[in-house]
Amino acid sequence: MPVFDDKQEELEHYETMMGVPRGRLAVTMDLITDAMALVGQHGVYCQSQRWPGKPVMDIQIVMKSLSDAKELIQSVMEQLKPTL
């Protein structure tokens, strides 16, 4: 699994701090955040002609999906949080 090789240092860091499940979710959140930044940059150059100042519809849909995925991951991380 190449992601475990590519992100080995980050995984080890977060898994040590938060445990394996939450650590892996934290790295996943970072990857999604990076993807959102890249898509957002692309959206600056691909403006809708119908709605000036907004990205084209496919970029809006991708951003919404990434945002929804991030929200779901955050909810799982909260449920996995140990109670004190």
PDB file of N, CA and C in Angstrom:
ATOM      1  N   MET A   1       0.834  -1.174   0.000  1.00  0.00           N
ATOM      2  CA  MET A   1       0.000   0.000   0.000  1.00  0.00           C
ATOM      3  C   MET A   1       0.886   1.247   0.000  1.00  0.00           C
ATOM      4  N   PRO A   2       0.962   1.922  -1.136  1.00  0.00           N
ATOM      5  CA  PRO A   2       1.878   3.048  -1.255  1.00  0.00           C
ATOM      6  C   PRO A   2       1.566   4.223  -0.322  1.00  0.00           C
ATOM      7  N   VAL A   3       0.304   4.451   0.029  1.00  0.00           N
ATOM      8  CA  VAL A   3       0.000   5.582   0.905  1.00  0.00           C
ATOM      9  C   VAL A   3       0.680   5.412   2.260  1.00  0.00           C
ATOM     10  N   PHE A   4       0.801   4.184   2.712  1.00  0.00           N
ATOM     11  CA  PHE A   4       1.454   3.945   4.000  1.00  0.00           C
ATOM     12  C   PHE A   4       2.950   4.207   3.911  1.00  0.00           C
ATOM     13  N   ASP A   5       3.520   4.039   2.726  1.00  0.00           N
ATOM     14  CA  ASP A   5       4.927   4.371   2.519  1.00  0.00           C
ATOM     15  C   ASP A   5       5.101   5.880   2.339  1.00  0.00           C
ATOM     16  N   ASP A   6       4.245   6.484   1.514  1.00  0.00           N
ATOM     17  CA  ASP A   6       4.344   7.915   1.229  1.00  0.00           C
ATOM     18  C   ASP A   6       4.121   8.772   2.470  1.00  0.00           C
ATOM     19  N   LYS A   7       3.217   8.367   3.303  1.00  0.00           N
ATOM     20  CA  LYS A   7       2.817   9.164   4.474  1.00  0.00           C
ATOM     21  C   LYS A   7       3.290   8.548   5.787  1.00  0.00           C
ATOM     22  N   GLN A   8       4.340   7.751   5.733  1.00  0.00           N
ATOM     23  CA  GLN A   8       4.797   7.011   6.905  1.00  0.00           C
ATOM     24  C   GLN A   8       5.077   7.910   8.112  1.00  0.00           C
ATOM     25  N   GLU A   9       5.814   9.005   7.904  1.00  0.00           N
ATOM     26  CA  GLU A   9       6.163   9.892   9.020  1.00  0.00           C
ATOM     27  C   GLU A   9       4.926  10.537   9.630  1.00  0.00           C
ATOM     28  N   GLU A  10       4.038  11.032   8.782  1.00  0.00           N
ATOM     29  CA  GLU A  10       2.810  11.658   9.282  1.00  0.00           C
ATOM     30  C   GLU A  10       1.949  10.644  10.029  1.00  0.00           C
ATOM     31  N   LEU A  11       1.823   9.452   9.454  1.00  0.00           N
ATOM     32  CA  LEU A  11       1.035   8.410  10.103  1.00  0.00           C
ATOM     33  C   LEU A  11       1.608   8.067  11.474  1.00  0.00           C
ATOM     34  N   GLU A  12       2.907   7.881  11.539  1.00  0.00           N
ATOM     35  CA  GLU A  12       3.531   7.539  12.822  1.00  0.00           C
ATOM     36  C   GLU A  12       3.295   8.647  13.842  1.00  0.00           C
ATOM     37  N   HIS A  13       3.429   9.891  13.400  1.00  0.00           N
ATOM     38  CA  HIS A  13       3.243  11.032  14.300  1.00  0.00           C
ATOM     39  C   HIS A  13       1.824  11.061  14.865  1.00  0.00           C
ATOM     40  N   TYR A  14       0.828  11.033  13.978  1.00  0.00           N
ATOM     41  CA  TYR A  14      -0.558  11.134  14.427  1.00  0.00           C
ATOM     42  C   TYR A  14      -1.026   9.871  15.145  1.00  0.00           C
ATOM     43  N   GLU A  15      -0.589   8.707  14.701  1.00  0.00           N
ATOM     44  CA  GLU A  15      -0.994   7.473  15.367  1.00  0.00           C
ATOM     45  C   GLU A  15      -0.439   7.429  16.792  1.00  0.00           C
ATOM     46  N   THR A  16       0.762   7.969  16.982  1.00  0.00           N
ATOM     47  CA  THR A  16       1.344   8.018  18.328  1.00  0.00           C
ATOM     48  C   THR A  16       0.550   8.978  19.211  1.00  0.00           C
ATOM     49  N   MET A  17       0.171  10.118  18.647  1.00  0.00           N
ATOM     50  CA  MET A  17      -0.566  11.121  19.429  1.00  0.00           C
ATOM     51  C   MET A  17      -2.009  10.716  19.715  1.00  0.00           C
ATOM     52  N   MET A  18      -2.674  10.099  18.732  1.00  0.00           N
ATOM     53  CA  MET A  18      -4.124   9.907  18.820  1.00  0.00           C
ATOM     54  C   MET A  18      -4.580   8.458  18.805  1.00  0.00           C
ATOM     55  N   GLY A  19      -3.675   7.531  18.589  1.00  0.00           N
ATOM     56  CA  GLY A  19      -4.068   6.143  18.382  1.00  0.00           C
ATOM     57  C   GLY A  19      -4.191   5.880  16.888  1.00  0.00           C
ATOM     58  N   VAL A  20      -4.200   4.623  16.523  1.00  0.00           N
ATOM     59  CA  VAL A  20      -4.179   4.256  15.103  1.00  0.00           C
ATOM     60  C   VAL A  20      -5.407   4.758  14.338  1.00  0.00           C
ATOM     61  N   PRO A  21      -6.649   4.473  14.785  1.00  0.00           N
ATOM     62  CA  PRO A  21      -7.795   4.899  13.968  1.00  0.00           C
ATOM     63  C   PRO A  21      -7.872   6.419  13.808  1.00  0.00           C
ATOM     64  N   ARG A  22      -7.777   7.153  14.907  1.00  0.00           N
ATOM     65  CA  ARG A  22      -7.875   8.607  14.822  1.00  0.00           C
ATOM     66  C   ARG A  22      -6.667   9.202  14.107  1.00  0.00           C
ATOM     67  N   GLY A  23      -5.499   8.607  14.274  1.00  0.00           N
ATOM     68  CA  GLY A  23      -4.311   9.095  13.582  1.00  0.00           C
ATOM     69  C   GLY A  23      -4.439   8.970  12.075  1.00  0.00           C
ATOM     70  N   ARG A  24      -4.945   7.841  11.635  1.00  0.00           N
ATOM     71  CA  ARG A  24      -5.139   7.650  10.193  1.00  0.00           C
ATOM     72  C   ARG A  24      -6.208   8.592   9.652  1.00  0.00           C
ATOM     73  N   LEU A  25      -7.246   8.818  10.433  1.00  0.00           N
ATOM     74  CA  LEU A  25      -8.272   9.771  10.012  1.00  0.00           C
ATOM     75  C   LEU A  25      -7.701  11.184   9.949  1.00  0.00           C
ATOM     76  N   ALA A  26      -6.809  11.526  10.863  1.00  0.00           N
ATOM     77  CA  ALA A  26      -6.194  12.857  10.853  1.00  0.00           C
ATOM     78  C   ALA A  26      -5.364  13.056   9.585  1.00  0.00           C
ATOM     79  N   VAL A  27      -4.615  12.035   9.198  1.00  0.00           N
ATOM     80  CA  VAL A  27      -3.826  12.129   7.962  1.00  0.00           C
ATOM     81  C   VAL A  27      -4.772  12.224   6.764  1.00  0.00           C
ATOM     82  N   THR A  28      -5.864  11.495   6.796  1.00  0.00           N
ATOM     83  CA  THR A  28      -6.861  11.566   5.733  1.00  0.00           C
ATOM     84  C   THR A  28      -7.435  12.976   5.635  1.00  0.00           C
ATOM     85  N   MET A  29      -7.696  13.585   6.790  1.00  0.00           N
ATOM     86  CA  MET A  29      -8.196  14.968   6.798  1.00  0.00           C
ATOM     87  C   MET A  29      -7.184  15.909   6.153  1.00  0.00           C
ATOM     88  N   ASP A  30      -5.910  15.714   6.454  1.00  0.00           N
ATOM     89  CA  ASP A  30      -4.875  16.549   5.833  1.00  0.00           C
ATOM     90  C   ASP A  30      -4.865  16.385   4.318  1.00  0.00           C
ATOM     91  N   LEU A  31      -5.003  15.143   3.851  1.00  0.00           N
ATOM     92  CA  LEU A  31      -5.014  14.893   2.411  1.00  0.00           C
ATOM     93  C   LEU A  31      -6.227  15.553   1.745  1.00  0.00           C
ATOM     94  N   ILE A  32      -7.373  15.463   2.392  1.00  0.00           N
ATOM     95  CA  ILE A  32      -8.579  16.083   1.841  1.00  0.00           C
ATOM     96  C   ILE A  32      -8.432  17.604   1.834  1.00  0.00           C
ATOM     97  N   THR A  33      -7.865  18.150   2.894  1.00  0.00           N
ATOM     98  CA  THR A  33      -7.649  19.600   2.956  1.00  0.00           C
ATOM     99  C   THR A  33      -6.717  20.054   1.839  1.00  0.00           C
ATOM    100  N   ASP A  34      -5.654  19.284   1.594  1.00  0.00           N
ATOM    101  CA  ASP A  34      -4.746  19.612   0.492  1.00  0.00           C
ATOM    102  C   ASP A  34      -5.473  19.552  -0.854  1.00  0.00           C
ATOM    103  N   ALA A  35      -6.305  18.535  -1.032  1.00  0.00           N
ATOM    104  CA  ALA A  35      -7.066  18.407  -2.280  1.00  0.00           C
ATOM    105  C   ALA A  35      -8.028  19.588  -2.444  1.00  0.00           C
ATOM    106  N   MET A  36      -8.643  20.011  -1.349  1.00  0.00           N
ATOM    107  CA  MET A  36      -9.550  21.151  -1.409  1.00  0.00           C
ATOM    108  C   MET A  36      -8.808  22.425  -1.827  1.00  0.00           C
ATOM    109  N   ALA A  37      -7.606  22.596  -1.322  1.00  0.00           N
ATOM    110  CA  ALA A  37      -6.812  23.771  -1.686  1.00  0.00           C
ATOM    111  C   ALA A  37      -6.473  23.750  -3.180  1.00  0.00           C
ATOM    112  N   LEU A  38      -6.094  22.590  -3.685  1.00  0.00           N
ATOM    113  CA  LEU A  38      -5.759  22.485  -5.110  1.00  0.00           C
ATOM    114  C   LEU A  38      -6.978  22.718  -5.996  1.00  0.00           C
ATOM    115  N   VAL A  39      -8.097  22.135  -5.613  1.00  0.00           N
ATOM    116  CA  VAL A  39      -9.322  22.331  -6.396  1.00  0.00           C
ATOM    117  C   VAL A  39      -9.761  23.789  -6.320  1.00  0.00           C
ATOM    118  N   GLY A  40      -9.610  24.393  -5.145  1.00  0.00           N
ATOM    119  CA  GLY A  40      -9.956  25.800  -4.992  1.00  0.00           C
ATOM    120  C   GLY A  40      -9.113  26.701  -5.882  1.00  0.00           C
ATOM    121  N   GLN A  41      -7.825  26.404  -5.975  1.00  0.00           N
ATOM    122  CA  GLN A  41      -6.954  27.176  -6.865  1.00  0.00           C
ATOM    123  C   GLN A  41      -7.392  27.015  -8.317  1.00  0.00           C
ATOM    124  N   HIS A  42      -7.743  25.801  -8.683  1.00  0.00           N
ATOM    125  CA  HIS A  42      -8.214  25.551 -10.044  1.00  0.00           C
ATOM    126  C   HIS A  42      -9.508  26.317 -10.311  1.00  0.00           C
ATOM    127  N   GLY A  43     -10.357  26.402  -9.274  1.00  0.00           N
ATOM    128  CA  GLY A  43     -11.627  27.103  -9.413  1.00  0.00           C
ATOM    129  C   GLY A  43     -11.470  28.590  -9.676  1.00  0.00           C
ATOM    130  N   VAL A  44     -10.338  29.158  -9.255  1.00  0.00           N
ATOM    131  CA  VAL A  44     -10.086  30.573  -9.510  1.00  0.00           C
ATOM    132  C   VAL A  44      -9.945  30.821 -11.010  1.00  0.00           C
ATOM    133  N   TYR A  45      -9.363  29.857 -11.717  1.00  0.00           N
ATOM    134  CA  TYR A  45      -9.116  30.019 -13.152  1.00  0.00           C
ATOM    135  C   TYR A  45     -10.265  29.515 -14.022  1.00  0.00           C
ATOM    136  N   CYS A  46     -11.107  28.669 -13.458  1.00  0.00           N
ATOM    137  CA  CYS A  46     -12.233  28.125 -14.216  1.00  0.00           C
ATOM    138  C   CYS A  46     -13.524  28.724 -13.690  1.00  0.00           C
ATOM    139  N   GLN A  47     -13.803  29.948 -14.111  1.00  0.00           N
ATOM    140  CA  GLN A  47     -14.979  30.666 -13.630  1.00  0.00           C
ATOM    141  C   GLN A  47     -16.200  30.347 -14.484  1.00  0.00           C
ATOM    142  N   SER A  48     -17.329  30.310 -13.832  1.00  0.00           N
ATOM    143  CA  SER A  48     -18.591  30.079 -14.512  1.00  0.00           C
ATOM    144  C   SER A  48     -18.971  31.307 -15.328  1.00  0.00           C
ATOM    145  N   GLN A  49     -19.432  31.081 -16.548  1.00  0.00           N
ATOM    146  CA  GLN A  49     -19.915  32.207 -17.362  1.00  0.00           C
ATOM    147  C   GLN A  49     -21.326  32.593 -16.943  1.00  0.00           C
ATOM    148  N   ARG A  50     -22.041  31.606 -16.407  1.00  0.00           N
ATOM    149  CA  ARG A  50     -23.414  31.864 -15.980  1.00  0.00           C
ATOM    150  C   ARG A  50     -23.438  32.674 -14.680  1.00  0.00           C
ATOM    151  N   TRP A  51     -22.503  32.339 -13.748  1.00  0.00           N
ATOM    152  CA  TRP A  51     -22.418  33.030 -12.458  1.00  0.00           C
ATOM    153  C   TRP A  51     -21.000  33.566 -12.275  1.00  0.00           C
ATOM    154  N   PRO A  52     -20.729  34.754 -12.774  1.00  0.00           N
ATOM    155  CA  PRO A  52     -19.384  35.323 -12.638  1.00  0.00           C
ATOM    156  C   PRO A  52     -18.944  35.381 -11.171  1.00  0.00           C
ATOM    157  N   GLY A  53     -17.687  35.052 -10.955  1.00  0.00           N
ATOM    158  CA  GLY A  53     -17.154  35.044  -9.593  1.00  0.00           C
ATOM    159  C   GLY A  53     -17.279  33.703  -8.901  1.00  0.00           C
ATOM    160  N   LYS A  54     -17.968  32.748  -9.512  1.00  0.00           N
ATOM    161  CA  LYS A  54     -18.102  31.403  -8.959  1.00  0.00           C
ATOM    162  C   LYS A  54     -17.386  30.418  -9.880  1.00  0.00           C
ATOM    163  N   PRO A  55     -16.827  29.350  -9.293  1.00  0.00           N
ATOM    164  CA  PRO A  55     -16.190  28.342 -10.152  1.00  0.00           C
ATOM    165  C   PRO A  55     -17.233  27.570 -10.966  1.00  0.00           C
ATOM    166  N   VAL A  56     -16.767  26.907 -12.019  1.00  0.00           N
ATOM    167  CA  VAL A  56     -17.673  26.101 -12.843  1.00  0.00           C
ATOM    168  C   VAL A  56     -18.322  25.020 -11.978  1.00  0.00           C
ATOM    169  N   MET A  57     -19.435  24.524 -12.454  1.00  0.00           N
ATOM    170  CA  MET A  57     -20.262  23.608 -11.659  1.00  0.00           C
ATOM    171  C   MET A  57     -19.516  22.353 -11.207  1.00  0.00           C
ATOM    172  N   ASP A  58     -18.683  21.757 -12.065  1.00  0.00           N
ATOM    173  CA  ASP A  58     -18.004  20.530 -11.659  1.00  0.00           C
ATOM    174  C   ASP A  58     -17.045  20.792 -10.488  1.00  0.00           C
ATOM    175  N   ILE A  59     -16.428  21.953 -10.462  1.00  0.00           N
ATOM    176  CA  ILE A  59     -15.527  22.302  -9.347  1.00  0.00           C
ATOM    177  C   ILE A  59     -16.355  22.502  -8.076  1.00  0.00           C
ATOM    178  N   GLN A  60     -17.507  23.126  -8.209  1.00  0.00           N
ATOM    179  CA  GLN A  60     -18.380  23.302  -7.048  1.00  0.00           C
ATOM    180  C   GLN A  60     -18.804  21.950  -6.472  1.00  0.00           C
ATOM    181  N   ILE A  61     -19.110  21.009  -7.351  1.00  0.00           N
ATOM    182  CA  ILE A  61     -19.547  19.677  -6.912  1.00  0.00           C
ATOM    183  C   ILE A  61     -18.395  18.944  -6.213  1.00  0.00           C
ATOM    184  N   VAL A  62     -17.200  19.018  -6.779  1.00  0.00           N
ATOM    185  CA  VAL A  62     -16.032  18.365  -6.158  1.00  0.00           C
ATOM    186  C   VAL A  62     -15.763  18.978  -4.782  1.00  0.00           C
ATOM    187  N   MET A  63     -15.800  20.305  -4.686  1.00  0.00           N
ATOM    188  CA  MET A  63     -15.565  20.971  -3.400  1.00  0.00           C
ATOM    189  C   MET A  63     -16.621  20.568  -2.372  1.00  0.00           C
ATOM    190  N   LYS A  64     -17.866  20.472  -2.790  1.00  0.00           N
ATOM    191  CA  LYS A  64     -18.942  20.054  -1.876  1.00  0.00           C
ATOM    192  C   LYS A  64     -18.713  18.634  -1.398  1.00  0.00           C
ATOM    193  N   SER A  65     -18.317  17.748  -2.289  1.00  0.00           N
ATOM    194  CA  SER A  65     -18.058  16.353  -1.911  1.00  0.00           C
ATOM    195  C   SER A  65     -16.888  16.253  -0.939  1.00  0.00           C
ATOM    196  N   LEU A  66     -15.823  16.989  -1.217  1.00  0.00           N
ATOM    197  CA  LEU A  66     -14.670  16.979  -0.311  1.00  0.00           C
ATOM    198  C   LEU A  66     -15.043  17.554   1.053  1.00  0.00           C
ATOM    199  N   SER A  67     -15.806  18.615   1.052  1.00  0.00           N
ATOM    200  CA  SER A  67     -16.236  19.228   2.307  1.00  0.00           C
ATOM    201  C   SER A  67     -17.114  18.274   3.108  1.00  0.00           C
ATOM    202  N   ASP A  68     -18.026  17.578   2.426  1.00  0.00           N
ATOM    203  CA  ASP A  68     -18.893  16.606   3.096  1.00  0.00           C
ATOM    204  C   ASP A  68     -18.076  15.445   3.659  1.00  0.00           C
ATOM    205  N   ALA A  69     -17.099  14.963   2.889  1.00  0.00           N
ATOM    206  CA  ALA A  69     -16.244  13.865   3.361  1.00  0.00           C
ATOM    207  C   ALA A  69     -15.475  14.290   4.603  1.00  0.00           C
ATOM    208  N   LYS A  70     -14.979  15.507   4.583  1.00  0.00           N
ATOM    209  CA  LYS A  70     -14.228  16.027   5.724  1.00  0.00           C
ATOM    210  C   LYS A  70     -15.126  16.107   6.961  1.00  0.00           C
ATOM    211  N   GLU A  71     -16.343  16.554   6.778  1.00  0.00           N
ATOM    212  CA  GLU A  71     -17.285  16.643   7.901  1.00  0.00           C
ATOM    213  C   GLU A  71     -17.597  15.266   8.481  1.00  0.00           C
ATOM    214  N   LEU A  72     -17.771  14.277   7.617  1.00  0.00           N
ATOM    215  CA  LEU A  72     -18.031  12.913   8.090  1.00  0.00           C
ATOM    216  C   LEU A  72     -16.834  12.356   8.858  1.00  0.00           C
ATOM    217  N   ILE A  73     -15.641  12.601   8.364  1.00  0.00           N
ATOM    218  CA  ILE A  73     -14.439  12.130   9.051  1.00  0.00           C
ATOM    219  C   ILE A  73     -14.324  12.789  10.425  1.00  0.00           C
ATOM    220  N   GLN A  74     -14.608  14.086  10.497  1.00  0.00           N
ATOM    221  CA  GLN A  74     -14.560  14.783  11.780  1.00  0.00           C
ATOM    222  C   GLN A  74     -15.540  14.170  12.766  1.00  0.00           C
ATOM    223  N   SER A  75     -16.727  13.792  12.294  1.00  0.00           N
ATOM    224  CA  SER A  75     -17.720  13.194  13.197  1.00  0.00           C
ATOM    225  C   SER A  75     -17.251  11.839  13.707  1.00  0.00           C
ATOM    226  N   VAL A  76     -16.576  11.064  12.864  1.00  0.00           N
ATOM    227  CA  VAL A  76     -16.042   9.770  13.293  1.00  0.00           C
ATOM    228  C   VAL A  76     -14.928   9.973  14.319  1.00  0.00           C
ATOM    229  N   MET A  77     -14.063  10.962  14.071  1.00  0.00           N
ATOM    230  CA  MET A  77     -12.982  11.240  15.007  1.00  0.00           C
ATOM    231  C   MET A  77     -13.534  11.638  16.373  1.00  0.00           C
ATOM    232  N   GLU A  78     -14.619  12.399  16.389  1.00  0.00           N
ATOM    233  CA  GLU A  78     -15.239  12.784  17.660  1.00  0.00           C
ATOM    234  C   GLU A  78     -15.793  11.566  18.391  1.00  0.00           C
ATOM    235  N   GLN A  79     -16.405  10.639  17.651  1.00  0.00           N
ATOM    236  CA  GLN A  79     -16.954   9.437  18.284  1.00  0.00           C
ATOM    237  C   GLN A  79     -15.855   8.520  18.797  1.00  0.00           C
ATOM    238  N   LEU A  80     -14.699   8.545  18.161  1.00  0.00           N
ATOM    239  CA  LEU A  80     -13.592   7.699  18.598  1.00  0.00           C
ATOM    240  C   LEU A  80     -12.782   8.344  19.738  1.00  0.00           C
ATOM    241  N   LYS A  81     -13.052   9.620  20.016  1.00  0.00           N
ATOM    242  CA  LYS A  81     -12.326  10.334  21.063  1.00  0.00           C
ATOM    243  C   LYS A  81     -12.594   9.665  22.417  1.00  0.00           C
ATOM    244  N   PRO A  82     -11.528   9.367  23.131  1.00  0.00           N
ATOM    245  CA  PRO A  82     -11.745   8.738  24.444  1.00  0.00           C
ATOM    246  C   PRO A  82     -12.418   9.722  25.410  1.00  0.00           C
ATOM    247  N   THR A  83     -13.345   9.214  26.185  1.00  0.00           N
ATOM    248  CA  THR A  83     -14.024  10.057  27.172  1.00  0.00           C
ATOM    249  C   THR A  83     -13.240  10.011  28.478  1.00  0.00           C
ATOM    250  N   LEU A  84     -13.163  11.150  29.095  1.00  0.00           N
ATOM    251  CA  LEU A  84     -12.404  11.251  30.346  1.00  0.00           C
ATOM    252  C   LEU A  84     -13.298  11.156  31.542  1.00  0.00           C
TER     253      LEU A  84
END
